[in-house]
C-alpha atoms as a PDB file:
ATOM      1  CA  MET A   1      18.213  -4.011  -0.084  1.00  0.00           C
ATOM      2  CA  LEU A   2      15.029  -1.990   0.165  1.00  0.00           C
ATOM      3  CA  ASP A   3      14.569   1.154   2.245  1.00  0.00           C
ATOM      4  CA  ASN A   4      12.029   1.252   5.037  1.00  0.00           C
ATOM      5  CA  GLU A   5       8.996   2.396   3.102  1.00  0.00           C
ATOM      6  CA  LEU A   6       5.621   1.284   1.842  1.00  0.00           C
ATOM      7  CA  TYR A   7       5.639  -0.477  -1.519  1.00  0.00           C
ATOM      8  CA  ILE A   8       2.438  -0.493  -3.571  1.00  0.00           C
ATOM      9  CA  VAL A   9       2.685  -3.646  -5.679  1.00  0.00           C
ATOM     10  CA  PRO A  10       0.283  -4.372  -8.565  1.00  0.00           C
ATOM     11  CA  THR A  11      -0.645  -8.019  -9.024  1.00  0.00           C
ATOM     12  CA  PRO A  12      -2.098  -9.820 -12.078  1.00  0.00           C
ATOM     13  CA  ILE A  13      -5.775  -9.260 -12.881  1.00  0.00           C
ATOM     14  CA  GLY A  14      -6.027 -12.750 -14.336  1.00  0.00           C
ATOM     15  CA  ASN A  15      -3.019 -14.037 -16.208  1.00  0.00           C
ATOM     16  CA  LEU A  16      -0.307 -14.839 -13.662  1.00  0.00           C
ATOM     17  CA  GLU A  17       2.385 -13.970 -16.210  1.00  0.00           C
ATOM     18  CA  ASP A  18       1.402 -10.311 -15.887  1.00  0.00           C
ATOM     19  CA  ILE A  19       3.669  -9.555 -12.945  1.00  0.00           C
ATOM     20  CA  THR A  20       6.915  -7.656 -13.293  1.00  0.00           C
ATOM     21  CA  LEU A  21      10.367  -8.822 -12.303  1.00  0.00           C
ATOM     22  CA  ARG A  22      10.588  -5.795 -10.026  1.00  0.00           C
ATOM     23  CA  ALA A  23       7.337  -6.721  -8.271  1.00  0.00           C
ATOM     24  CA  ILE A  24       8.679 -10.226  -7.605  1.00  0.00           C
ATOM     25  CA  ARG A  25      11.925  -8.799  -6.211  1.00  0.00           C
ATOM     26  CA  VAL A  26      10.058  -6.423  -3.892  1.00  0.00           C
ATOM     27  CA  LEU A  27       7.692  -9.113  -2.627  1.00  0.00           C
ATOM     28  CA  LYS A  28      10.685 -11.309  -1.820  1.00  0.00           C
ATOM     29  CA  SER A  29      12.544  -8.498  -0.043  1.00  0.00           C
ATOM     30  CA  VAL A  30       9.943  -6.868   2.234  1.00  0.00           C
ATOM     31  CA  ASP A  31       9.462  -7.842   5.871  1.00  0.00           C
ATOM     32  CA  TYR A  32       5.830  -8.725   5.266  1.00  0.00           C
ATOM     33  CA  ILE A  33       2.896  -8.194   2.888  1.00  0.00           C
ATOM     34  CA  LEU A  34      -0.463  -6.558   3.547  1.00  0.00           C
ATOM     35  CA  ALA A  35      -3.099  -8.331   1.430  1.00  0.00           C
ATOM     36  CA  GLU A  36      -6.754  -7.598   0.696  1.00  0.00           C
ATOM     37  CA  ASP A  37      -7.469 -11.344   0.864  1.00  0.00           C
ATOM     38  CA  THR A  38      -4.649 -13.479   2.259  1.00  0.00           C
ATOM     39  CA  ARG A  39      -6.059 -16.604   0.615  1.00  0.00           C
ATOM     40  CA  ASN A  40      -5.858 -15.121  -2.881  1.00  0.00           C
ATOM     41  CA  THR A  41      -2.411 -13.688  -2.293  1.00  0.00           C
ATOM     42  CA  SER A  42      -1.193 -16.984  -0.816  1.00  0.00           C
ATOM     43  CA  ARG A  43      -1.990 -18.698  -4.124  1.00  0.00           C
ATOM     44  CA  LEU A  44      -0.043 -16.055  -6.027  1.00  0.00           C
ATOM     45  CA  LEU A  45       2.955 -16.295  -3.707  1.00  0.00           C
ATOM     46  CA  LYS A  46       2.935 -20.077  -3.997  1.00  0.00           C
ATOM     47  CA  HIS A  47       3.000 -19.754  -7.792  1.00  0.00           C
ATOM     48  CA  LEU A  48       5.929 -17.324  -7.525  1.00  0.00           C
ATOM     49  CA  GLU A  49       7.688 -19.531  -4.944  1.00  0.00           C
ATOM     50  CA  ILE A  50       7.760 -16.709  -2.402  1.00  0.00           C
ATOM     51  CA  ASP A  51       7.557 -17.512   1.316  1.00  0.00           C
ATOM     52  CA  LYS A  52       6.484 -14.364   3.168  1.00  0.00           C
ATOM     53  CA  ASN A  53       4.239 -13.460   6.106  1.00  0.00           C
ATOM     54  CA  LEU A  54       0.823 -12.161   5.055  1.00  0.00           C
ATOM     55  CA  TYR A  55      -1.481  -9.914   7.068  1.00  0.00           C
ATOM     56  CA  SER A  56      -5.022  -8.936   6.200  1.00  0.00           C
ATOM     57  CA  TYR A  57      -5.645  -5.346   5.079  1.00  0.00           C
ATOM     58  CA  HIS A  58      -9.037  -4.621   3.527  1.00  0.00           C
ATOM     59  CA  THR A  59     -11.888  -2.107   3.437  1.00  0.00           C
ATOM     60  CA  PHE A  60     -13.379  -3.308   6.723  1.00  0.00           C
ATOM     61  CA  ASN A  61     -10.238  -3.164   8.853  1.00  0.00           C
ATOM     62  CA  GLU A  62      -7.998  -0.519   7.282  1.00  0.00           C
ATOM     63  CA  HIS A  63      -8.971   2.198   9.785  1.00  0.00           C
ATOM     64  CA  GLN A  64      -7.897  -0.064  12.654  1.00  0.00           C
ATOM     65  CA  LYS A  65      -4.694  -1.234  10.932  1.00  0.00           C
ATOM     66  CA  ILE A  66      -3.238   2.092   9.792  1.00  0.00           C
ATOM     67  CA  LYS A  67      -1.737   3.245  13.093  1.00  0.00           C
ATOM     68  CA  GLN A  68       0.064  -0.070  13.619  1.00  0.00           C
ATOM     69  CA  VAL A  69       1.412  -0.146  10.056  1.00  0.00           C
ATOM     70  CA  ILE A  70       2.656   3.456  10.280  1.00  0.00           C
ATOM     71  CA  GLN A  71       4.453   2.680  13.534  1.00  0.00           C
ATOM     72  CA  GLU A  72       6.149  -0.377  12.069  1.00  0.00           C
ATOM     73  CA  LEU A  73       7.262   1.595   9.018  1.00  0.00           C
ATOM     74  CA  GLN A  74       8.702   4.275  11.304  1.00  0.00           C
ATOM     75  CA  ASN A  75      10.553   1.528  13.171  1.00  0.00           C
ATOM     76  CA  GLY A  76      12.307   0.438  10.000  1.00  0.00           C
ATOM     77  CA  LYS A  77      10.023  -2.206   8.518  1.00  0.00           C
ATOM     78  CA  LYS A  78       9.708  -2.679   4.774  1.00  0.00           C
ATOM     79  CA  ILE A  79       6.083  -3.444   3.876  1.00  0.00           C
ATOM     80  CA  ALA A  80       4.318  -4.254   0.605  1.00  0.00           C
ATOM     81  CA  LEU A  81       0.619  -3.659  -0.022  1.00  0.00           C
ATOM     82  CA  VAL A  82      -1.260  -5.770  -2.585  1.00  0.00           C
ATOM     83  CA  SER A  83      -4.918  -6.071  -3.528  1.00  0.00           C
ATOM     84  CA  ASP A  84      -6.692  -9.127  -4.921  1.00  0.00           C
ATOM     85  CA  ALA A  85      -5.901  -8.015  -8.469  1.00  0.00           C
ATOM     86  CA  GLY A  86      -4.455  -4.968 -10.155  1.00  0.00           C
ATOM     87  CA  THR A  87      -3.053  -1.845  -8.519  1.00  0.00           C
ATOM     88  CA  PRO A  88      -3.956  -1.166  -4.864  1.00  0.00           C
ATOM     89  CA  ALA A  89      -5.904   2.047  -4.144  1.00  0.00           C
ATOM     90  CA  ILE A  90      -7.595   1.992  -7.578  1.00  0.00           C
ATOM     91  CA  SER A  91     -11.126   1.134  -6.424  1.00  0.00           C
ATOM     92  CA  ASP A  92      -9.401  -1.041  -3.804  1.00  0.00           C
ATOM     93  CA  PRO A  93      -8.039  -0.441  -0.286  1.00  0.00           C
ATOM     94  CA  GLY A  94      -4.858   1.617  -0.094  1.00  0.00           C
ATOM     95  CA  PHE A  95      -5.681   5.307  -0.396  1.00  0.00           C
ATOM     96  CA  LEU A  96      -5.973   5.898   3.353  1.00  0.00           C
ATOM     97  CA  LEU A  97      -2.668   4.175   4.092  1.00  0.00           C
ATOM     98  CA  VAL A  98      -0.826   6.075   1.369  1.00  0.00           C
ATOM     99  CA  ARG A  99      -2.210   9.383   2.666  1.00  0.00           C
ATOM    100  CA  GLU A 100      -1.184   8.613   6.249  1.00  0.00           C
ATOM    101  CA  CYS A 101       2.298   7.565   5.142  1.00  0.00           C
ATOM    102  CA  LEU A 102       2.832  10.823   3.287  1.00  0.00           C
ATOM    103  CA  GLN A 103       1.597  12.836   6.256  1.00  0.00           C
ATOM    104  CA  ALA A 104       4.081  10.943   8.462  1.00  0.00           C
ATOM    105  CA  ASP A 105       6.940  11.610   5.990  1.00  0.00           C
ATOM    106  CA  ILE A 106       7.201   7.915   5.122  1.00  0.00           C
ATOM    107  CA  LYS A 107       8.280   7.218   1.565  1.00  0.00           C
ATOM    108  CA  VAL A 108       5.754   5.483  -0.680  1.00  0.00           C
ATOM    109  CA  GLU A 109       6.902   3.625  -3.779  1.00  0.00           C
ATOM    110  CA  CYS A 110       4.221   2.630  -6.288  1.00  0.00           C
ATOM    111  CA  LEU A 111       5.355   0.063  -8.831  1.00  0.00           C
ATOM    112  CA  PRO A 112       3.847   0.180 -12.330  1.00  0.00           C
ATOM    113  CA  GLY A 113       1.853  -2.846 -13.340  1.00  0.00           C
ATOM    114  CA  ALA A 114      -1.473  -4.468 -14.034  1.00  0.00           C
ATOM    115  CA  THR A 115      -4.729  -2.548 -13.809  1.00  0.00           C
ATOM    116  CA  ALA A 116      -7.995  -3.402 -15.521  1.00  0.00           C
ATOM    117  CA  PHE A 117      -9.188  -0.063 -16.857  1.00  0.00           C
ATOM    118  CA  VAL A 118      -6.206   0.692 -19.122  1.00  0.00           C
ATOM    119  CA  PRO A 119      -6.540  -2.302 -21.511  1.00  0.00           C
ATOM    120  CA  ALA A 120     -10.321  -1.869 -21.522  1.00  0.00           C
ATOM    121  CA  LEU A 121      -9.967   1.789 -22.471  1.00  0.00           C
ATOM    122  CA  VAL A 122      -7.468   1.046 -25.244  1.00  0.00           C
ATOM    123  CA  LYS A 123      -9.579  -1.824 -26.649  1.00  0.00           C
ATOM    124  CA  SER A 124     -12.747   0.299 -26.689  1.00  0.00           C
ATOM    125  CA  GLY A 125     -11.638   2.282 -29.719  1.00  0.00           C
ATOM    126  CA  LEU A 126     -12.977   5.400 -27.994  1.00  0.00           C
ATOM    127  CA  PRO A 127     -10.816   8.535 -27.588  1.00  0.00           C
ATOM    128  CA  THR A 128      -8.020   8.052 -25.048  1.00  0.00           C
ATOM    129  CA  ASP A 129      -6.473  11.531 -25.077  1.00  0.00           C
ATOM    130  CA  ARG A 130      -8.851  12.639 -22.308  1.00  0.00           C
ATOM    131  CA  PHE A 131     -10.831  10.319 -20.057  1.00  0.00           C
ATOM    132  CA  VAL A 132     -12.552  10.253 -16.678  1.00  0.00           C
ATOM    133  CA  PHE A 133     -12.247   7.291 -14.321  1.00  0.00           C
ATOM    134  CA  GLU A 134     -15.381   6.812 -12.225  1.00  0.00           C
ATOM    135  CA  GLY A 135     -14.553   3.545 -10.442  1.00  0.00           C
ATOM    136  CA  PHE A 136     -17.746   1.978  -9.079  1.00  0.00           C
ATOM    137  CA  LEU A 137     -20.893   4.094  -9.173  1.00  0.00           C
ATOM    138  CA  PRO A 138     -22.977   4.347  -5.983  1.00  0.00           C
ATOM    139  CA  HIS A 139     -25.562   1.584  -5.777  1.00  0.00           C
ATOM    140  CA  LYS A 140     -28.399   3.867  -4.646  1.00  0.00           C
ATOM    141  CA  LYS A 141     -27.821   7.285  -3.103  1.00  0.00           C
ATOM    142  CA  GLY A 142     -26.100   9.591  -5.551  1.00  0.00           C
ATOM    143  CA  ARG A 143     -26.282   7.180  -8.484  1.00  0.00           C
ATOM    144  CA  GLN A 144     -28.620   9.290 -10.610  1.00  0.00           C
ATOM    145  CA  THR A 145     -26.505  12.378  -9.934  1.00  0.00           C
ATOM    146  CA  ARG A 146     -23.408  10.601 -11.232  1.00  0.00           C
ATOM    147  CA  LEU A 147     -25.284   9.264 -14.276  1.00  0.00           C
ATOM    148  CA  LYS A 148     -26.471  12.779 -15.153  1.00  0.00           C
ATOM    149  CA  ALA A 149     -22.900  14.052 -14.860  1.00  0.00           C
ATOM    150  CA  ILE A 150     -21.595  11.242 -17.074  1.00  0.00           C
ATOM    151  CA  ALA A 151     -24.289  12.039 -19.642  1.00  0.00           C
ATOM    152  CA  GLU A 152     -22.873  15.564 -19.992  1.00  0.00           C
ATOM    153  CA  GLU A 153     -19.209  14.544 -19.897  1.00  0.00           C
ATOM    154  CA  GLU A 154     -17.409  15.207 -23.194  1.00  0.00           C
ATOM    155  CA  SER A 155     -14.440  12.981 -22.339  1.00  0.00           C
ATOM    156  CA  THR A 156     -14.499   9.190 -22.457  1.00  0.00           C
ATOM    157  CA  VAL A 157     -15.695   7.718 -19.146  1.00  0.00           C
ATOM    158  CA  VAL A 158     -14.320   4.480 -17.659  1.00  0.00           C
ATOM    159  CA  LEU A 159     -15.994   2.663 -14.772  1.00  0.00           C
ATOM    160  CA  TYR A 160     -16.238  -0.705 -13.079  1.00  0.00           C
ATOM    161  CA  GLU A 161     -19.473  -2.676 -12.815  1.00  0.00           C
ATOM    162  CA  SER A 162     -20.482  -5.988 -11.317  1.00  0.00           C
ATOM    163  CA  PRO A 163     -21.915  -8.767 -13.521  1.00  0.00           C
ATOM    164  CA  HIS A 164     -25.346  -8.707 -11.873  1.00  0.00           C
ATOM    165  CA  ARG A 165     -25.713  -4.934 -12.378  1.00  0.00           C
ATOM    166  CA  LEU A 166     -24.393  -4.675 -15.944  1.00  0.00           C
ATOM    167  CA  LEU A 167     -27.812  -4.892 -17.643  1.00  0.00           C
ATOM    168  CA  LYS A 168     -29.203  -2.315 -15.246  1.00  0.00           C
ATOM    169  CA  PHE A 169     -26.331   0.048 -16.008  1.00  0.00           C
ATOM    170  CA  LEU A 170     -26.680  -0.343 -19.778  1.00  0.00           C
ATOM    171  CA  GLY A 171     -30.375   0.414 -19.398  1.00  0.00           C
ATOM    172  CA  GLU A 172     -29.457   3.535 -17.428  1.00  0.00           C
ATOM    173  CA  VAL A 173     -27.062   4.610 -20.181  1.00  0.00           C
ATOM    174  CA  ILE A 174     -29.935   4.395 -22.663  1.00  0.00           C
ATOM    175  CA  ALA A 175     -32.290   6.269 -20.323  1.00  0.00           C
ATOM    176  CA  PHE A 176     -29.859   9.075 -19.477  1.00  0.00           C
ATOM    177  CA  MET A 177     -27.708   9.274 -22.616  1.00  0.00           C
ATOM    178  CA  GLY A 178     -29.702   7.721 -25.444  1.00  0.00           C
ATOM    179  CA  GLU A 179     -29.536   4.334 -27.126  1.00  0.00           C
ATOM    180  CA  ASN A 180     -26.890   5.495 -29.607  1.00  0.00           C
ATOM    181  CA  ARG A 181     -24.251   6.463 -27.018  1.00  0.00           C
ATOM    182  CA  LYS A 182     -21.051   4.528 -27.759  1.00  0.00           C
ATOM    183  CA  VAL A 183     -20.259   1.848 -25.177  1.00  0.00           C
ATOM    184  CA  SER A 184     -17.581  -0.815 -24.752  1.00  0.00           C
ATOM    185  CA  VAL A 185     -17.792  -3.654 -22.235  1.00  0.00           C
ATOM    186  CA  SER A 186     -14.711  -5.715 -21.385  1.00  0.00           C
ATOM    187  CA  ARG A 187     -14.908  -8.698 -19.081  1.00  0.00           C
ATOM    188  CA  GLU A 188     -12.487 -11.350 -17.843  1.00  0.00           C
ATOM    189  CA  LEU A 189      -9.521  -9.320 -19.096  1.00  0.00           C
ATOM    190  CA  THR A 190      -6.317 -11.380 -19.568  1.00  0.00           C
ATOM    191  CA  LYS A 191      -8.229 -14.616 -18.846  1.00  0.00           C
ATOM    192  CA  ILE A 192      -9.276 -17.502 -21.109  1.00  0.00           C
ATOM    193  CA  TYR A 193     -12.793 -16.179 -21.738  1.00  0.00           C
ATOM    194  CA  GLU A 194     -11.801 -12.528 -22.206  1.00  0.00           C
ATOM    195  CA  GLU A 195     -14.098 -10.553 -24.476  1.00  0.00           C
ATOM    196  CA  THR A 196     -14.715  -6.945 -25.441  1.00  0.00           C
ATOM    197  CA  ILE A 197     -18.022  -5.877 -27.002  1.00  0.00           C
ATOM    198  CA  ASN A 198     -18.165  -2.486 -28.717  1.00  0.00           C
ATOM    199  CA  GLY A 199     -21.218  -0.711 -30.113  1.00  0.00           C
ATOM    200  CA  THR A 200     -24.095   1.530 -29.207  1.00  0.00           C
ATOM    201  CA  ALA A 201     -25.669   1.196 -25.774  1.00  0.00           C
ATOM    202  CA  ALA A 202     -28.662  -0.550 -27.370  1.00  0.00           C
ATOM    203  CA  GLU A 203     -26.470  -2.998 -29.309  1.00  0.00           C
ATOM    204  CA  VAL A 204     -24.336  -3.901 -26.293  1.00  0.00           C
ATOM    205  CA  LEU A 205     -27.407  -4.334 -24.090  1.00  0.00           C
ATOM    206  CA  HIS A 206     -28.969  -6.620 -26.706  1.00  0.00           C
ATOM    207  CA  TYR A 207     -25.775  -8.703 -26.820  1.00  0.00           C
ATOM    208  CA  PHE A 208     -25.723  -9.318 -23.068  1.00  0.00           C
ATOM    209  CA  GLU A 209     -29.480  -9.641 -22.441  1.00  0.00           C
ATOM    210  CA  ASN A 210     -29.656 -13.380 -23.033  1.00  0.00           C
ATOM    211  CA  LYS A 211     -26.221 -14.329 -21.752  1.00  0.00           C
ATOM    212  CA  THR A 212     -24.927 -15.490 -18.387  1.00  0.00           C
ATOM    213  CA  ILE A 213     -22.657 -12.638 -17.339  1.00  0.00           C
ATOM    214  CA  LYS A 214     -19.604 -13.544 -15.284  1.00  0.00           C
ATOM    215  CA  GLY A 215     -16.268 -12.043 -14.320  1.00  0.00           C
ATOM    216  CA  GLU A 216     -14.859  -8.626 -13.569  1.00  0.00           C
ATOM    217  CA  ILE A 217     -16.288  -5.970 -15.874  1.00  0.00           C
ATOM    218  CA  VAL A 218     -14.992  -2.630 -17.158  1.00  0.00           C
ATOM    219  CA  VAL A 219     -17.394  -0.355 -19.035  1.00  0.00           C
ATOM    220  CA  VAL A 220     -16.173   2.479 -21.262  1.00  0.00           C
ATOM    221  CA  VAL A 221     -18.704   5.121 -22.291  1.00  0.00           C
ATOM    222  CA  GLY A 222     -18.113   7.553 -25.120  1.00  0.00           C
ATOM    223  CA  GLY A 223     -18.242  11.259 -24.348  1.00  0.00           C
ATOM    224  CA  LYS A 224     -21.137  13.510 -25.261  1.00  0.00           C
ATOM    225  CA  GLU A 225     -20.771  14.717 -28.819  1.00  0.00           C
END
């Protein structure tokens, strides 16, 4: 039996085999599951043969949901939080709920599991002893400030980017850091069309310029030498 607490449960980022036995046990045992998109999570639960109530919890409603969830946890409920893919709260909803749980002395258990930036970092061939995770850069306000900071960062930098902004970002790397800055782009990790392209910023940009870019993307940028 599980204690009344919040369980942060990583889910596969592509390959459905990338879920742990512990995650399956927790999802089967909780009273209900908070999901970023109930449709996506329903497909996963169907695959795992788990029948459990799902409730929506995403960026646009988390402020309204937190008080209710905290109250139910205090009343003895066991609740799991999942995102569409990977570990909740890593560039996904979850941080606010975890913070409120801790402030209310509610135990939070975070299971280890899938997350996109770790395999991308390892496959980049860039130094992994020290790295900075940037998540998603701002689209407009503050973007140049972050790019200037990344340009001066000596550690490896890992960030997420959308397919339709990848070329723009690679161009910004060249503009702010030079065309020879080391870059690695991983997309569709754990899926059929997974690929990782390593090289200089100019080489990686040239590779993607004439391609249709699809899928979730992780970019790893080498530190300033």
